[in-house]
Protein backbone atom coordinates (compact mmCIF):
# COMPACT_ATOMS: atom_id res chain seq x y z
CA GLY A 1 137.58 114.09 97.51
CA ARG A 2 135.72 111.20 95.46
CA THR A 3 133.01 111.96 93.39
CA HIS A 4 130.13 109.26 92.79
CA VAL A 5 127.28 109.37 90.51
CA ILE A 6 124.13 107.24 90.74
CA PRO A 7 121.96 108.31 87.73
CA PHE A 8 118.11 108.44 88.42
CA GLY A 9 117.52 106.24 85.36
CA VAL A 10 113.98 107.66 85.02
CA ASP A 11 113.01 111.48 84.44
CA ALA A 12 114.04 113.68 87.39
CA PRO A 13 110.78 114.11 89.87
CA PHE A 14 108.46 116.93 89.81
CA GLY A 15 106.29 117.87 92.31
CA ALA A 16 105.84 119.97 95.83
CA PRO A 17 106.01 118.69 99.38
CA PRO A 18 106.00 115.76 100.65
CA GLU A 19 106.54 114.33 97.01
CA LEU A 20 110.21 116.19 96.97
CA ILE A 21 111.55 115.17 100.39
CA MET A 22 114.45 113.11 100.52
CA ASN A 23 116.71 111.95 103.67
CA TRP A 24 119.77 110.36 104.28
CA SER A 25 120.13 107.71 106.73
CA PRO A 26 122.13 108.33 109.95
CA ASN A 27 125.29 106.17 108.73
CA GLY A 28 125.16 107.96 105.48
CA GLN A 29 124.91 104.39 103.67
CA HIS A 30 121.65 105.14 102.40
CA ILE A 31 118.95 107.52 100.82
CA ALA A 32 115.65 107.65 100.40
CA VAL A 33 114.74 109.66 96.95
CA LEU A 34 111.56 109.69 94.96
CA ALA A 35 112.14 108.39 91.45
CA ASP A 36 109.31 106.76 88.98
CA SER A 37 106.68 107.78 91.03
CA ARG A 38 107.83 105.70 94.43
CA TYR A 39 110.20 106.42 97.29
CA ARG A 40 113.21 104.12 96.47
CA LEU A 41 116.10 103.27 99.16
CA VAL A 42 119.44 103.83 97.30
CA SER A 43 122.48 102.56 98.93
CA VAL A 44 125.07 104.86 97.92
CA ARG A 45 127.70 101.81 97.90
CA THR A 46 126.11 99.84 95.70
CA ALA A 47 123.23 101.36 93.49
CA VAL A 48 123.54 101.29 89.77
CA SER A 49 120.72 104.00 89.41
CA VAL A 50 117.97 105.35 91.92
CA ALA A 51 115.46 103.47 89.46
CA SER A 52 116.88 99.96 89.85
CA SER A 53 116.95 100.35 94.07
CA PRO A 54 114.31 98.72 96.13
CA PRO A 55 110.96 100.87 96.30
CA LEU A 56 108.73 101.87 99.56
CA PRO A 57 105.58 100.40 99.80
CA ALA A 58 103.11 102.42 97.28
CA GLY A 59 101.47 105.39 98.78
CA LEU A 60 104.25 106.47 101.62
CA LEU A 61 105.84 109.97 101.30
CA ALA A 62 108.07 112.25 102.92
CA PRO A 63 110.38 109.60 104.30
CA VAL A 64 112.83 110.49 107.15
CA TYR A 65 115.22 107.91 108.53
CA LEU A 66 114.74 107.69 112.32
CA SER A 67 117.37 105.20 112.84
CA ASN A 68 119.76 103.00 110.14
CA ASP A 69 116.65 100.62 110.02
CA THR A 70 113.51 102.52 110.51
CA ILE A 71 111.83 105.27 108.83
CA VAL A 72 109.19 107.25 109.55
CA THR A 73 106.72 108.22 106.66
CA ASP A 74 103.12 109.51 105.82
CA ALA A 75 100.85 106.89 105.11
CA ASN A 76 97.93 109.03 104.02
CA CYS A 77 98.82 112.24 102.36
CA CYS A 78 97.46 114.55 101.40
CA THR A 79 94.14 116.44 102.82
CA GLY A 80 93.59 116.84 106.63
CA SER A 81 95.18 115.32 109.67
CA GLN A 82 97.85 112.93 108.50
CA GLN A 83 98.94 109.56 109.99
CA LEU A 84 102.78 108.92 110.10
CA ILE A 85 104.12 105.50 110.49
CA THR A 86 107.40 103.65 111.29
CA LEU A 87 108.57 100.98 108.58
CA ASP A 88 110.95 98.79 109.85
CA LEU A 89 113.45 98.20 106.73
CA ARG A 90 114.35 95.06 108.24
CA THR A 91 111.03 93.18 108.23
CA GLY A 92 108.58 95.71 106.76
CA HIS A 93 106.65 95.97 109.80
CA GLU A 94 104.50 99.13 109.90
CA SER A 95 103.50 101.21 113.23
CA LYS A 96 101.63 103.99 113.90
CA PHE A 97 103.99 106.92 115.15
CA VAL A 98 101.98 110.21 115.63
CA ARG A 99 98.89 111.88 113.76
CA LEU A 100 99.55 115.61 112.47
CA SER A 101 97.21 118.15 112.03
CA SER A 102 98.18 118.49 108.08
CA PRO A 103 100.62 117.23 105.59
CA VAL A 104 104.35 117.34 106.12
CA GLN A 105 105.99 120.03 104.17
CA THR A 106 109.50 119.49 105.42
CA VAL A 107 111.15 117.06 108.02
CA GLN A 108 114.51 116.92 109.90
CA ARG A 109 115.70 114.37 112.37
CA VAL A 110 116.83 115.94 115.33
CA GLY A 111 117.75 113.31 117.54
CA ARG A 112 117.07 109.99 118.58
CA ALA A 113 113.41 109.25 117.68
CA THR A 114 112.98 113.20 117.45
CA LEU A 115 111.72 114.93 114.53
CA VAL A 116 110.94 118.57 113.44
CA ILE A 117 108.24 118.96 110.95
CA THR A 118 106.79 121.64 109.27
CA ASP A 119 103.23 121.21 108.14
CA ALA A 120 100.74 122.76 105.41
CA LEU A 121 99.43 124.91 108.23
CA ASN A 122 102.76 126.42 108.32
CA GLU A 123 103.32 124.78 112.09
CA LEU A 124 106.69 123.80 113.29
CA VAL A 125 106.31 120.62 114.84
CA ARG A 126 108.50 118.58 117.09
CA VAL A 127 107.21 114.85 117.32
CA ALA A 128 108.53 111.53 118.88
CA GLU A 129 106.50 108.35 119.30
CA GLY A 130 102.93 109.19 120.27
CA ARG A 131 103.69 112.76 120.87
CA VAL A 132 103.30 115.81 119.01
CA HIS A 133 104.14 119.61 120.17
CA VAL A 134 103.84 122.44 118.23
CA LEU A 135 106.62 124.61 118.43
CA ARG A 136 105.45 127.79 116.58
CA THR A 137 103.29 128.68 113.96
CA GLY A 138 103.92 130.85 110.45
CA ILE A 139 107.03 128.56 109.86
CA GLU A 140 107.21 127.42 106.22
CA ALA A 141 110.43 125.18 106.30
CA VAL A 142 113.04 123.63 108.40
CA SER A 143 116.51 122.84 107.33
CA PRO A 144 120.04 121.20 109.04
């Protein structure tokens, strides 16, 4: 297959979750990546570098695409309960999504408007707009 390289253009990020979480859009055309201390929305077709891609508003962490045009992100990391918000990428409008008991460690979209998250308390949590359901405790990560 084809290979397409998009250089970071800055030093590769270091850190711990939620800083290192990155996520692909459902259509595979964009990826949210941490670069230069901000998440950037990188177009896999047109980006010259990660650093030249448009940034998310400062302070937003652990982005996950809910749809091609909407992401969910942690708005107040990193101690205590966490407010997740939706961000409409077309308009920039932010709305409350859910409140978690602790910071996001891993996050995965598992269905339309549904996420599975592990948090700093090692809880496996299913979230949908306004609803949080702890599925299990003692879980450190979730992957596809």
